[in-house]
Amino acid sequence: MKISADFTVVPDDFAKAAAPEYRAGGVPVISFPFYVDEVNPEARYLHWTFTDPDSIPVCGFEWIHWTVANLPIDALMFDFNDSHALAIPPDFSRQMPAMIPEAVQGRNSSASKFVGRDNDPAVIMRYNGPQPPDKDHDYYLHVWATREPLPGLNQGFWMNELLHKLRECGENPDQGGMFVTGKA
């Protein structure tokens, strides 16, 4: 599987410099577009995590920015420029619940009791854009594809639950990933 985007640095609309109308609770909430290509033809569902390993020295853990599970591949639009690439459009995180209700999004690190944010699902169970406080950070988008949906994952699951379900799914999921940079 190949994961790609039209950028290597997360554009301002999806990150720290996002305009006020692209934020909720001060957090950038418009997810960036990306492509999934060369998926195992037997796969029917996508799952992903978007995390910040460079946050470990800052806050003591890898910041979770976005998790998605059980997204039916058939529900996605193909990129018109490449008939093999699945296109995840901009702002997909906010649009997905209405467009594809069977897909679920998990909690991000804003849901942590140590962060002190309110319980707004638009902030704690959707995409949170990069906002590195100290220097540019490299973020990792990891995508898996499976033949069957992962059972037992509901809206607001935790990332570790997704990883356990992937390990227990009885198949070797197709997978790929990419790094992007978030500007400080």
N, C-alpha and C. Protein backbone atom coordinates (compact mmCIF):
# COMPACT_ATOMS: atom_id res chain seq x y z
N MET A 1 0.85 -1.17 0.00
CA MET A 1 0.00 0.00 0.00
C MET A 1 0.90 1.23 0.00
N LYS A 2 0.46 2.24 -0.72
CA LYS A 2 1.20 3.50 -0.80
C LYS A 2 0.30 4.64 -0.32
N ILE A 3 0.80 5.44 0.61
CA ILE A 3 0.08 6.59 1.15
C ILE A 3 0.82 7.84 0.68
N SER A 4 0.08 8.82 0.18
CA SER A 4 0.73 10.04 -0.31
C SER A 4 -0.19 11.24 -0.15
N ALA A 5 0.39 12.41 -0.32
CA ALA A 5 -0.36 13.67 -0.28
C ALA A 5 0.32 14.62 -1.27
N ASP A 6 -0.34 15.72 -1.55
CA ASP A 6 0.21 16.70 -2.47
C ASP A 6 1.15 17.67 -1.77
N PHE A 7 1.61 17.32 -0.59
CA PHE A 7 2.49 18.19 0.20
C PHE A 7 3.35 17.32 1.10
N THR A 8 4.42 17.89 1.61
CA THR A 8 5.24 17.25 2.64
C THR A 8 5.16 18.03 3.95
N VAL A 9 4.78 19.31 3.86
CA VAL A 9 4.54 20.15 5.02
C VAL A 9 3.03 20.38 5.08
N VAL A 10 2.42 20.10 6.23
CA VAL A 10 0.96 20.23 6.37
C VAL A 10 0.58 21.69 6.10
N PRO A 11 -0.29 21.94 5.12
CA PRO A 11 -0.71 23.32 4.82
C PRO A 11 -1.40 23.99 6.00
N ASP A 12 -1.29 25.31 6.05
CA ASP A 12 -1.81 26.10 7.16
C ASP A 12 -3.27 25.81 7.49
N ASP A 13 -4.12 25.59 6.49
CA ASP A 13 -5.54 25.36 6.75
C ASP A 13 -5.81 24.15 7.63
N PHE A 14 -4.86 23.23 7.71
CA PHE A 14 -5.04 21.98 8.43
C PHE A 14 -4.17 21.90 9.69
N ALA A 15 -3.52 23.01 10.06
CA ALA A 15 -2.53 22.97 11.14
C ALA A 15 -2.55 24.23 11.99
N LYS A 16 -1.45 24.49 12.63
CA LYS A 16 -1.31 25.54 13.63
C LYS A 16 -1.76 26.92 13.16
N ALA A 17 -1.54 27.25 11.89
CA ALA A 17 -1.88 28.57 11.37
C ALA A 17 -3.29 28.63 10.77
N ALA A 18 -4.13 27.64 11.07
CA ALA A 18 -5.49 27.60 10.52
C ALA A 18 -6.28 28.84 10.96
N ALA A 19 -7.11 29.31 10.06
CA ALA A 19 -7.97 30.46 10.35
C ALA A 19 -8.98 30.10 11.44
N PRO A 20 -9.50 31.08 12.15
CA PRO A 20 -10.48 30.80 13.23
C PRO A 20 -11.67 29.96 12.78
N GLU A 21 -12.14 30.15 11.56
CA GLU A 21 -13.30 29.37 11.10
C GLU A 21 -12.95 27.90 10.84
N TYR A 22 -11.66 27.55 10.85
CA TYR A 22 -11.22 26.17 10.67
C TYR A 22 -10.83 25.52 12.00
N ARG A 23 -11.31 26.12 13.10
CA ARG A 23 -10.97 25.65 14.44
C ARG A 23 -12.23 25.39 15.27
N ALA A 24 -12.06 24.55 16.27
CA ALA A 24 -13.10 24.34 17.30
C ALA A 24 -12.35 24.31 18.63
N GLY A 25 -12.77 25.12 19.57
CA GLY A 25 -12.08 25.17 20.85
C GLY A 25 -10.62 25.55 20.71
N GLY A 26 -10.29 26.33 19.70
CA GLY A 26 -8.91 26.74 19.47
C GLY A 26 -8.06 25.72 18.74
N VAL A 27 -8.63 24.57 18.39
CA VAL A 27 -7.89 23.47 17.76
C VAL A 27 -8.24 23.40 16.28
N PRO A 28 -7.23 23.27 15.39
CA PRO A 28 -7.54 23.08 13.96
C PRO A 28 -8.27 21.75 13.76
N VAL A 29 -9.44 21.79 13.11
CA VAL A 29 -10.26 20.58 12.98
C VAL A 29 -10.59 20.21 11.53
N ILE A 30 -10.00 20.89 10.57
CA ILE A 30 -10.21 20.54 9.16
C ILE A 30 -9.11 19.56 8.76
N SER A 31 -9.48 18.33 8.49
CA SER A 31 -8.48 17.31 8.15
C SER A 31 -7.93 17.51 6.75
N PHE A 32 -6.68 17.12 6.57
CA PHE A 32 -6.01 17.29 5.29
C PHE A 32 -6.34 16.14 4.33
N PRO A 33 -6.24 16.40 3.03
CA PRO A 33 -6.49 15.34 2.04
C PRO A 33 -5.26 14.46 1.86
N PHE A 34 -5.51 13.20 1.53
CA PHE A 34 -4.40 12.29 1.19
C PHE A 34 -4.93 11.18 0.29
N TYR A 35 -3.99 10.39 -0.23
CA TYR A 35 -4.32 9.33 -1.17
C TYR A 35 -3.85 7.97 -0.66
N VAL A 36 -4.62 6.95 -0.99
CA VAL A 36 -4.27 5.57 -0.68
C VAL A 36 -4.23 4.83 -2.01
N ASP A 37 -3.09 4.26 -2.32
CA ASP A 37 -2.92 3.59 -3.61
C ASP A 37 -2.32 2.20 -3.39
N GLU A 38 -2.45 1.36 -4.39
CA GLU A 38 -1.89 0.02 -4.39
C GLU A 38 -2.39 -0.82 -3.21
N VAL A 39 -3.68 -0.70 -2.93
CA VAL A 39 -4.31 -1.47 -1.85
C VAL A 39 -4.53 -2.90 -2.31
N ASN A 40 -4.33 -3.83 -1.41
CA ASN A 40 -4.62 -5.23 -1.70
C ASN A 40 -6.04 -5.30 -2.26
N PRO A 41 -6.24 -5.89 -3.44
CA PRO A 41 -7.58 -5.93 -4.05
C PRO A 41 -8.62 -6.68 -3.22
N GLU A 42 -8.21 -7.51 -2.28
CA GLU A 42 -9.15 -8.22 -1.42
C GLU A 42 -9.63 -7.36 -0.26
N ALA A 43 -8.94 -6.26 0.02
CA ALA A 43 -9.28 -5.41 1.16
C ALA A 43 -10.58 -4.65 0.90
N ARG A 44 -11.37 -4.48 1.93
CA ARG A 44 -12.66 -3.79 1.82
C ARG A 44 -12.82 -2.64 2.82
N TYR A 45 -11.90 -2.55 3.82
CA TYR A 45 -12.02 -1.54 4.87
C TYR A 45 -10.67 -0.88 5.14
N LEU A 46 -10.72 0.42 5.41
CA LEU A 46 -9.52 1.16 5.80
C LEU A 46 -9.62 1.59 7.26
N HIS A 47 -8.45 1.70 7.87
CA HIS A 47 -8.32 2.13 9.26
C HIS A 47 -7.03 2.96 9.32
N TRP A 48 -7.00 4.02 10.14
CA TRP A 48 -5.74 4.76 10.23
C TRP A 48 -5.55 5.47 11.55
N THR A 49 -4.28 5.81 11.78
CA THR A 49 -3.89 6.66 12.90
C THR A 49 -3.01 7.78 12.35
N PHE A 50 -3.12 8.94 12.94
CA PHE A 50 -2.26 10.08 12.61
C PHE A 50 -1.71 10.58 13.94
N THR A 51 -0.41 10.42 14.13
CA THR A 51 0.20 10.69 15.43
C THR A 51 1.46 11.55 15.30
N ASP A 52 1.90 12.07 16.44
CA ASP A 52 3.09 12.92 16.51
C ASP A 52 4.12 12.29 17.44
N PRO A 53 5.05 11.47 16.91
CA PRO A 53 6.09 10.90 17.76
C PRO A 53 7.01 11.97 18.35
N ASP A 54 7.16 13.12 17.68
CA ASP A 54 8.03 14.18 18.19
C ASP A 54 7.45 14.89 19.40
N SER A 55 6.21 14.56 19.77
CA SER A 55 5.63 15.16 20.98
C SER A 55 6.14 14.49 22.25
N ILE A 56 6.78 13.34 22.13
CA ILE A 56 7.21 12.60 23.32
C ILE A 56 8.09 13.44 24.25
N PRO A 57 9.12 14.14 23.75
CA PRO A 57 9.91 14.96 24.67
C PRO A 57 9.14 16.16 25.23
N VAL A 58 8.08 16.58 24.55
CA VAL A 58 7.32 17.76 24.97
C VAL A 58 6.30 17.41 26.06
N CYS A 59 5.51 16.33 25.84
CA CYS A 59 4.44 16.02 26.79
C CYS A 59 4.55 14.64 27.41
N GLY A 60 5.53 13.85 26.99
CA GLY A 60 5.74 12.54 27.60
C GLY A 60 5.07 11.38 26.90
N PHE A 61 4.35 11.65 25.81
CA PHE A 61 3.71 10.56 25.06
C PHE A 61 3.53 10.99 23.60
N GLU A 62 3.28 10.01 22.76
CA GLU A 62 3.01 10.27 21.34
C GLU A 62 1.59 10.81 21.23
N TRP A 63 1.46 12.04 20.72
CA TRP A 63 0.15 12.70 20.63
C TRP A 63 -0.66 12.05 19.51
N ILE A 64 -1.88 11.67 19.83
CA ILE A 64 -2.81 11.10 18.85
C ILE A 64 -3.63 12.24 18.27
N HIS A 65 -3.56 12.42 16.96
CA HIS A 65 -4.29 13.49 16.29
C HIS A 65 -5.57 13.02 15.61
N TRP A 66 -5.60 11.73 15.20
CA TRP A 66 -6.78 11.26 14.47
C TRP A 66 -6.72 9.75 14.36
N THR A 67 -7.84 9.09 14.62
CA THR A 67 -7.96 7.65 14.41
C THR A 67 -9.29 7.36 13.72
N VAL A 68 -9.24 6.44 12.78
CA VAL A 68 -10.42 6.05 12.01
C VAL A 68 -10.43 4.53 11.88
N ALA A 69 -11.61 3.94 11.94
CA ALA A 69 -11.75 2.49 11.76
C ALA A 69 -12.98 2.18 10.92
N ASN A 70 -12.90 1.07 10.22
CA ASN A 70 -14.03 0.48 9.49
C ASN A 70 -14.61 1.39 8.41
N LEU A 71 -13.74 2.07 7.70
CA LEU A 71 -14.17 2.90 6.58
C LEU A 71 -14.27 2.01 5.33
N PRO A 72 -15.48 1.78 4.80
CA PRO A 72 -15.61 0.94 3.61
C PRO A 72 -14.92 1.59 2.41
N ILE A 73 -14.05 0.85 1.79
CA ILE A 73 -13.33 1.38 0.62
C ILE A 73 -14.31 1.78 -0.47
N ASP A 74 -15.40 1.02 -0.64
CA ASP A 74 -16.39 1.32 -1.67
C ASP A 74 -17.05 2.69 -1.48
N ALA A 75 -16.98 3.24 -0.28
CA ALA A 75 -17.62 4.53 -0.01
C ALA A 75 -16.76 5.72 -0.43
N LEU A 76 -15.53 5.46 -0.84
CA LEU A 76 -14.61 6.55 -1.19
C LEU A 76 -14.64 6.86 -2.68
N MET A 77 -14.28 8.09 -2.99
CA MET A 77 -14.16 8.52 -4.38
C MET A 77 -12.75 8.23 -4.87
N PHE A 78 -12.64 7.74 -6.08
CA PHE A 78 -11.33 7.56 -6.68
C PHE A 78 -10.83 8.89 -7.19
N ASP A 79 -9.52 9.08 -7.09
CA ASP A 79 -8.89 10.29 -7.63
C ASP A 79 -9.02 10.25 -9.15
N PHE A 80 -9.56 11.30 -9.73
CA PHE A 80 -9.79 11.32 -11.17
C PHE A 80 -8.49 11.32 -11.97
N ASN A 81 -7.40 11.77 -11.37
CA ASN A 81 -6.11 11.79 -12.05
C ASN A 81 -5.41 10.44 -12.01
N ASP A 82 -5.83 9.57 -11.14
CA ASP A 82 -5.21 8.26 -10.98
C ASP A 82 -6.30 7.27 -10.60
N SER A 83 -6.70 6.46 -11.52
CA SER A 83 -7.84 5.57 -11.28
C SER A 83 -7.59 4.54 -10.19
N HIS A 84 -6.34 4.44 -9.73
CA HIS A 84 -6.04 3.46 -8.68
C HIS A 84 -5.96 4.08 -7.29
N ALA A 85 -5.90 5.39 -7.20
CA ALA A 85 -5.73 6.02 -5.89
C ALA A 85 -7.07 6.38 -5.27
N LEU A 86 -7.25 5.99 -4.04
CA LEU A 86 -8.42 6.40 -3.28
C LEU A 86 -8.12 7.76 -2.69
N ALA A 87 -9.04 8.68 -2.85
CA ALA A 87 -8.82 10.04 -2.37
C ALA A 87 -9.61 10.26 -1.07
N ILE A 88 -8.90 10.66 -0.03
CA ILE A 88 -9.53 11.11 1.22
C ILE A 88 -9.59 12.63 1.09
N PRO A 89 -10.77 13.22 0.99
CA PRO A 89 -10.88 14.65 0.69
C PRO A 89 -10.58 15.53 1.91
N PRO A 90 -10.35 16.82 1.67
CA PRO A 90 -10.18 17.74 2.80
C PRO A 90 -11.46 17.77 3.65
N ASP A 91 -11.28 17.97 4.93
CA ASP A 91 -12.38 18.07 5.90
C ASP A 91 -13.16 16.76 6.04
N PHE A 92 -12.55 15.66 5.69
CA PHE A 92 -13.21 14.36 5.76
C PHE A 92 -13.63 14.01 7.18
N SER A 93 -12.82 14.38 8.16
CA SER A 93 -13.12 14.04 9.55
C SER A 93 -14.47 14.58 10.00
N ARG A 94 -14.77 15.82 9.65
CA ARG A 94 -16.05 16.40 10.06
C ARG A 94 -17.20 15.90 9.20
N GLN A 95 -16.95 15.55 7.95
CA GLN A 95 -18.00 15.13 7.03
C GLN A 95 -18.34 13.64 7.14
N MET A 96 -17.38 12.85 7.58
CA MET A 96 -17.56 11.40 7.59
C MET A 96 -18.79 10.91 8.37
N PRO A 97 -19.09 11.43 9.57
CA PRO A 97 -20.25 10.89 10.30
C PRO A 97 -21.56 10.96 9.51
N ALA A 98 -21.76 12.02 8.74
CA ALA A 98 -22.99 12.13 7.94
C ALA A 98 -22.89 11.34 6.64
N MET A 99 -21.71 11.29 6.05
CA MET A 99 -21.52 10.62 4.75
C MET A 99 -21.43 9.11 4.88
N ILE A 100 -20.70 8.64 5.91
CA ILE A 100 -20.42 7.21 6.05
C ILE A 100 -20.58 6.84 7.52
N PRO A 101 -21.82 6.73 7.99
CA PRO A 101 -22.04 6.52 9.44
C PRO A 101 -21.48 5.21 9.98
N GLU A 102 -21.24 4.22 9.14
CA GLU A 102 -20.71 2.96 9.65
C GLU A 102 -19.22 3.05 10.00
N ALA A 103 -18.52 4.05 9.47
CA ALA A 103 -17.13 4.28 9.85
C ALA A 103 -17.11 5.01 11.19
N VAL A 104 -16.10 4.73 11.99
CA VAL A 104 -16.03 5.33 13.32
C VAL A 104 -14.69 6.05 13.51
N GLN A 105 -14.74 7.11 14.32
CA GLN A 105 -13.54 7.83 14.68
C GLN A 105 -13.31 7.68 16.18
N GLY A 106 -12.04 7.56 16.52
CA GLY A 106 -11.68 7.37 17.92
C GLY A 106 -11.31 8.68 18.60
N ARG A 107 -11.07 8.56 19.88
CA ARG A 107 -10.61 9.71 20.66
C ARG A 107 -9.18 10.05 20.27
N ASN A 108 -8.88 11.32 20.33
CA ASN A 108 -7.51 11.77 20.15
C ASN A 108 -6.97 12.20 21.51
N SER A 109 -5.76 12.71 21.54
CA SER A 109 -5.16 13.06 22.83
C SER A 109 -5.83 14.25 23.50
N SER A 110 -6.62 15.02 22.78
CA SER A 110 -7.38 16.10 23.41
C SER A 110 -8.41 15.54 24.39
N ALA A 111 -8.75 14.27 24.28
CA ALA A 111 -9.70 13.64 25.19
C ALA A 111 -9.07 13.25 26.53
N SER A 112 -7.76 13.37 26.62
CA SER A 112 -7.08 12.98 27.86
C SER A 112 -7.49 13.87 29.02
N LYS A 113 -7.68 13.27 30.16
CA LYS A 113 -8.00 14.04 31.36
C LYS A 113 -6.84 14.94 31.77
N PHE A 114 -5.65 14.69 31.26
CA PHE A 114 -4.49 15.50 31.58
C PHE A 114 -4.39 16.77 30.73
N VAL A 115 -5.17 16.83 29.65
CA VAL A 115 -5.10 17.99 28.75
C VAL A 115 -6.06 19.09 29.19
N GLY A 116 -7.21 18.73 29.74
CA GLY A 116 -8.14 19.71 30.27
C GLY A 116 -9.02 20.40 29.25
N ARG A 117 -9.23 19.76 28.10
CA ARG A 117 -10.15 20.33 27.11
C ARG A 117 -11.57 19.88 27.44
N ASP A 118 -12.53 20.63 26.92
CA ASP A 118 -13.92 20.23 27.17
C ASP A 118 -14.25 18.96 26.39
N ASN A 119 -15.41 18.43 26.61
CA ASN A 119 -15.82 17.14 26.05
C ASN A 119 -16.49 17.25 24.68
N ASP A 120 -16.22 18.27 23.93
CA ASP A 120 -16.83 18.48 22.63
C ASP A 120 -16.35 17.41 21.64
N PRO A 121 -17.25 16.54 21.14
CA PRO A 121 -16.84 15.51 20.19
C PRO A 121 -16.13 16.08 18.96
N ALA A 122 -16.46 17.31 18.56
CA ALA A 122 -15.79 17.93 17.40
C ALA A 122 -14.31 18.11 17.65
N VAL A 123 -13.92 18.12 18.92
CA VAL A 123 -12.51 18.29 19.26
C VAL A 123 -11.87 16.98 19.71
N ILE A 124 -12.55 16.20 20.53
CA ILE A 124 -11.92 15.02 21.13
C ILE A 124 -12.10 13.73 20.33
N MET A 125 -13.01 13.71 19.34
CA MET A 125 -13.22 12.49 18.55
C MET A 125 -13.19 12.77 17.05
N ARG A 126 -12.36 13.69 16.66
CA ARG A 126 -12.18 14.01 15.24
C ARG A 126 -10.71 14.36 15.04
N TYR A 127 -10.40 14.83 13.87
CA TYR A 127 -9.05 15.27 13.54
C TYR A 127 -8.68 16.50 14.37
N ASN A 128 -7.49 16.48 14.92
CA ASN A 128 -6.85 17.65 15.54
C ASN A 128 -5.59 17.92 14.75
N GLY A 129 -5.49 19.08 14.17
CA GLY A 129 -4.32 19.42 13.35
C GLY A 129 -3.07 19.67 14.16
N PRO A 130 -1.92 19.53 13.50
CA PRO A 130 -0.63 19.76 14.15
C PRO A 130 -0.52 21.18 14.71
N GLN A 131 0.00 21.26 15.93
CA GLN A 131 0.28 22.53 16.60
C GLN A 131 1.56 22.40 17.43
N PRO A 132 2.68 22.06 16.82
CA PRO A 132 3.88 21.82 17.63
C PRO A 132 4.30 23.09 18.38
N PRO A 133 4.51 22.98 19.70
CA PRO A 133 4.81 24.16 20.50
C PRO A 133 6.27 24.57 20.53
N ASP A 134 7.18 23.66 20.15
CA ASP A 134 8.60 23.93 20.37
C ASP A 134 9.43 24.05 19.10
N LYS A 135 9.12 23.26 18.10
CA LYS A 135 9.87 23.24 16.84
C LYS A 135 9.03 22.45 15.84
N ASP A 136 9.45 22.41 14.58
CA ASP A 136 8.74 21.60 13.60
C ASP A 136 8.74 20.14 14.06
N HIS A 137 7.60 19.47 13.87
CA HIS A 137 7.47 18.06 14.22
C HIS A 137 7.16 17.25 12.97
N ASP A 138 7.61 16.00 12.98
CA ASP A 138 7.25 15.05 11.93
C ASP A 138 6.10 14.19 12.45
N TYR A 139 5.05 14.13 11.68
CA TYR A 139 3.83 13.40 12.02
C TYR A 139 3.73 12.16 11.14
N TYR A 140 3.14 11.09 11.68
CA TYR A 140 3.06 9.85 10.94
C TYR A 140 1.60 9.44 10.72
N LEU A 141 1.24 9.25 9.46
CA LEU A 141 -0.07 8.73 9.08
C LEU A 141 0.14 7.26 8.71
N HIS A 142 -0.49 6.36 9.45
CA HIS A 142 -0.36 4.92 9.23
C HIS A 142 -1.74 4.40 8.85
N VAL A 143 -1.83 3.74 7.69
CA VAL A 143 -3.11 3.24 7.18
C VAL A 143 -3.03 1.73 7.03
N TRP A 144 -4.08 1.06 7.45
CA TRP A 144 -4.22 -0.39 7.29
C TRP A 144 -5.45 -0.67 6.44
N ALA A 145 -5.44 -1.80 5.74
CA ALA A 145 -6.61 -2.26 4.97
C ALA A 145 -6.88 -3.71 5.33
N THR A 146 -8.16 -4.02 5.59
CA THR A 146 -8.56 -5.38 5.94
C THR A 146 -9.73 -5.82 5.07
N ARG A 147 -9.92 -7.13 5.01
CA ARG A 147 -11.06 -7.68 4.26
C ARG A 147 -12.36 -7.49 5.02
N GLU A 148 -12.31 -7.57 6.34
CA GLU A 148 -13.50 -7.49 7.18
C GLU A 148 -13.41 -6.27 8.10
N PRO A 149 -14.56 -5.74 8.53
CA PRO A 149 -14.51 -4.65 9.52
C PRO A 149 -13.96 -5.18 10.84
N LEU A 150 -13.40 -4.30 11.63
CA LEU A 150 -12.89 -4.69 12.94
C LEU A 150 -14.04 -4.62 13.95
N PRO A 151 -14.38 -5.74 14.58
CA PRO A 151 -15.54 -5.76 15.48
C PRO A 151 -15.29 -5.01 16.78
N GLY A 152 -16.36 -4.48 17.36
CA GLY A 152 -16.30 -3.92 18.70
C GLY A 152 -15.74 -2.52 18.81
N LEU A 153 -15.49 -1.85 17.69
CA LEU A 153 -15.00 -0.47 17.75
C LEU A 153 -16.18 0.47 17.51
N ASN A 154 -16.45 1.32 18.47
CA ASN A 154 -17.55 2.28 18.38
C ASN A 154 -16.99 3.69 18.36
N GLN A 155 -17.84 4.66 18.05
CA GLN A 155 -17.42 6.05 18.08
C GLN A 155 -16.73 6.33 19.41
N GLY A 156 -15.57 6.96 19.34
CA GLY A 156 -14.85 7.30 20.55
C GLY A 156 -13.94 6.20 21.08
N PHE A 157 -13.61 5.19 20.26
CA PHE A 157 -12.67 4.16 20.70
C PHE A 157 -11.30 4.80 20.97
N TRP A 158 -10.47 4.10 21.68
CA TRP A 158 -9.10 4.55 21.92
C TRP A 158 -8.16 3.89 20.92
N MET A 159 -7.05 4.53 20.61
CA MET A 159 -6.12 4.01 19.61
C MET A 159 -5.61 2.61 19.95
N ASN A 160 -5.35 2.34 21.22
CA ASN A 160 -4.87 1.01 21.59
C ASN A 160 -5.90 -0.07 21.25
N GLU A 161 -7.20 0.27 21.35
CA GLU A 161 -8.24 -0.69 20.97
C GLU A 161 -8.14 -1.03 19.48
N LEU A 162 -7.92 -0.01 18.66
CA LEU A 162 -7.75 -0.23 17.22
C LEU A 162 -6.55 -1.14 16.96
N LEU A 163 -5.44 -0.87 17.61
CA LEU A 163 -4.24 -1.68 17.39
C LEU A 163 -4.45 -3.12 17.84
N HIS A 164 -5.15 -3.32 18.96
CA HIS A 164 -5.47 -4.68 19.40
C HIS A 164 -6.35 -5.40 18.38
N LYS A 165 -7.37 -4.72 17.88
CA LYS A 165 -8.28 -5.33 16.90
C LYS A 165 -7.55 -5.69 15.62
N LEU A 166 -6.61 -4.84 15.19
CA LEU A 166 -5.82 -5.16 14.00
C LEU A 166 -4.97 -6.41 14.23
N ARG A 167 -4.41 -6.53 15.40
CA ARG A 167 -3.59 -7.70 15.72
C ARG A 167 -4.43 -8.96 15.82
N GLU A 168 -5.69 -8.83 16.28
CA GLU A 168 -6.55 -9.98 16.51
C GLU A 168 -7.45 -10.32 15.33
N CYS A 169 -7.36 -9.60 14.22
CA CYS A 169 -8.35 -9.73 13.15
C CYS A 169 -8.25 -11.01 12.34
N GLY A 170 -7.22 -11.81 12.53
CA GLY A 170 -7.12 -13.09 11.82
C GLY A 170 -6.60 -12.96 10.40
N GLU A 171 -6.11 -11.80 10.04
CA GLU A 171 -5.50 -11.62 8.73
C GLU A 171 -4.27 -10.74 8.88
N ASN A 172 -3.47 -10.70 7.87
CA ASN A 172 -2.30 -9.84 7.87
C ASN A 172 -2.68 -8.57 7.11
N PRO A 173 -3.08 -7.51 7.81
CA PRO A 173 -3.58 -6.31 7.11
C PRO A 173 -2.53 -5.70 6.18
N ASP A 174 -2.99 -5.28 5.02
CA ASP A 174 -2.16 -4.48 4.13
C ASP A 174 -1.93 -3.16 4.86
N GLN A 175 -0.77 -2.55 4.70
CA GLN A 175 -0.51 -1.30 5.40
C GLN A 175 0.53 -0.46 4.71
N GLY A 176 0.47 0.83 5.01
CA GLY A 176 1.44 1.78 4.50
C GLY A 176 1.38 3.04 5.34
N GLY A 177 2.32 3.92 5.13
CA GLY A 177 2.34 5.14 5.91
C GLY A 177 3.17 6.22 5.26
N MET A 178 3.07 7.40 5.82
CA MET A 178 3.88 8.52 5.34
C MET A 178 4.10 9.50 6.49
N PHE A 179 5.22 10.20 6.42
CA PHE A 179 5.51 11.28 7.34
C PHE A 179 5.20 12.61 6.67
N VAL A 180 4.68 13.55 7.43
CA VAL A 180 4.51 14.94 6.99
C VAL A 180 5.03 15.82 8.12
N THR A 181 5.39 17.02 7.77
CA THR A 181 5.93 17.95 8.77
C THR A 181 4.88 18.98 9.15
N GLY A 182 4.79 19.25 10.44
CA GLY A 182 3.95 20.33 10.95
C GLY A 182 4.87 21.45 11.42
N LYS A 183 4.60 22.66 10.94
CA LYS A 183 5.45 23.80 11.27
C LYS A 183 5.11 24.37 12.65
N ALA A 184 6.16 24.78 13.36
CA ALA A 184 5.98 25.34 14.71
C ALA A 184 5.43 26.72 14.68
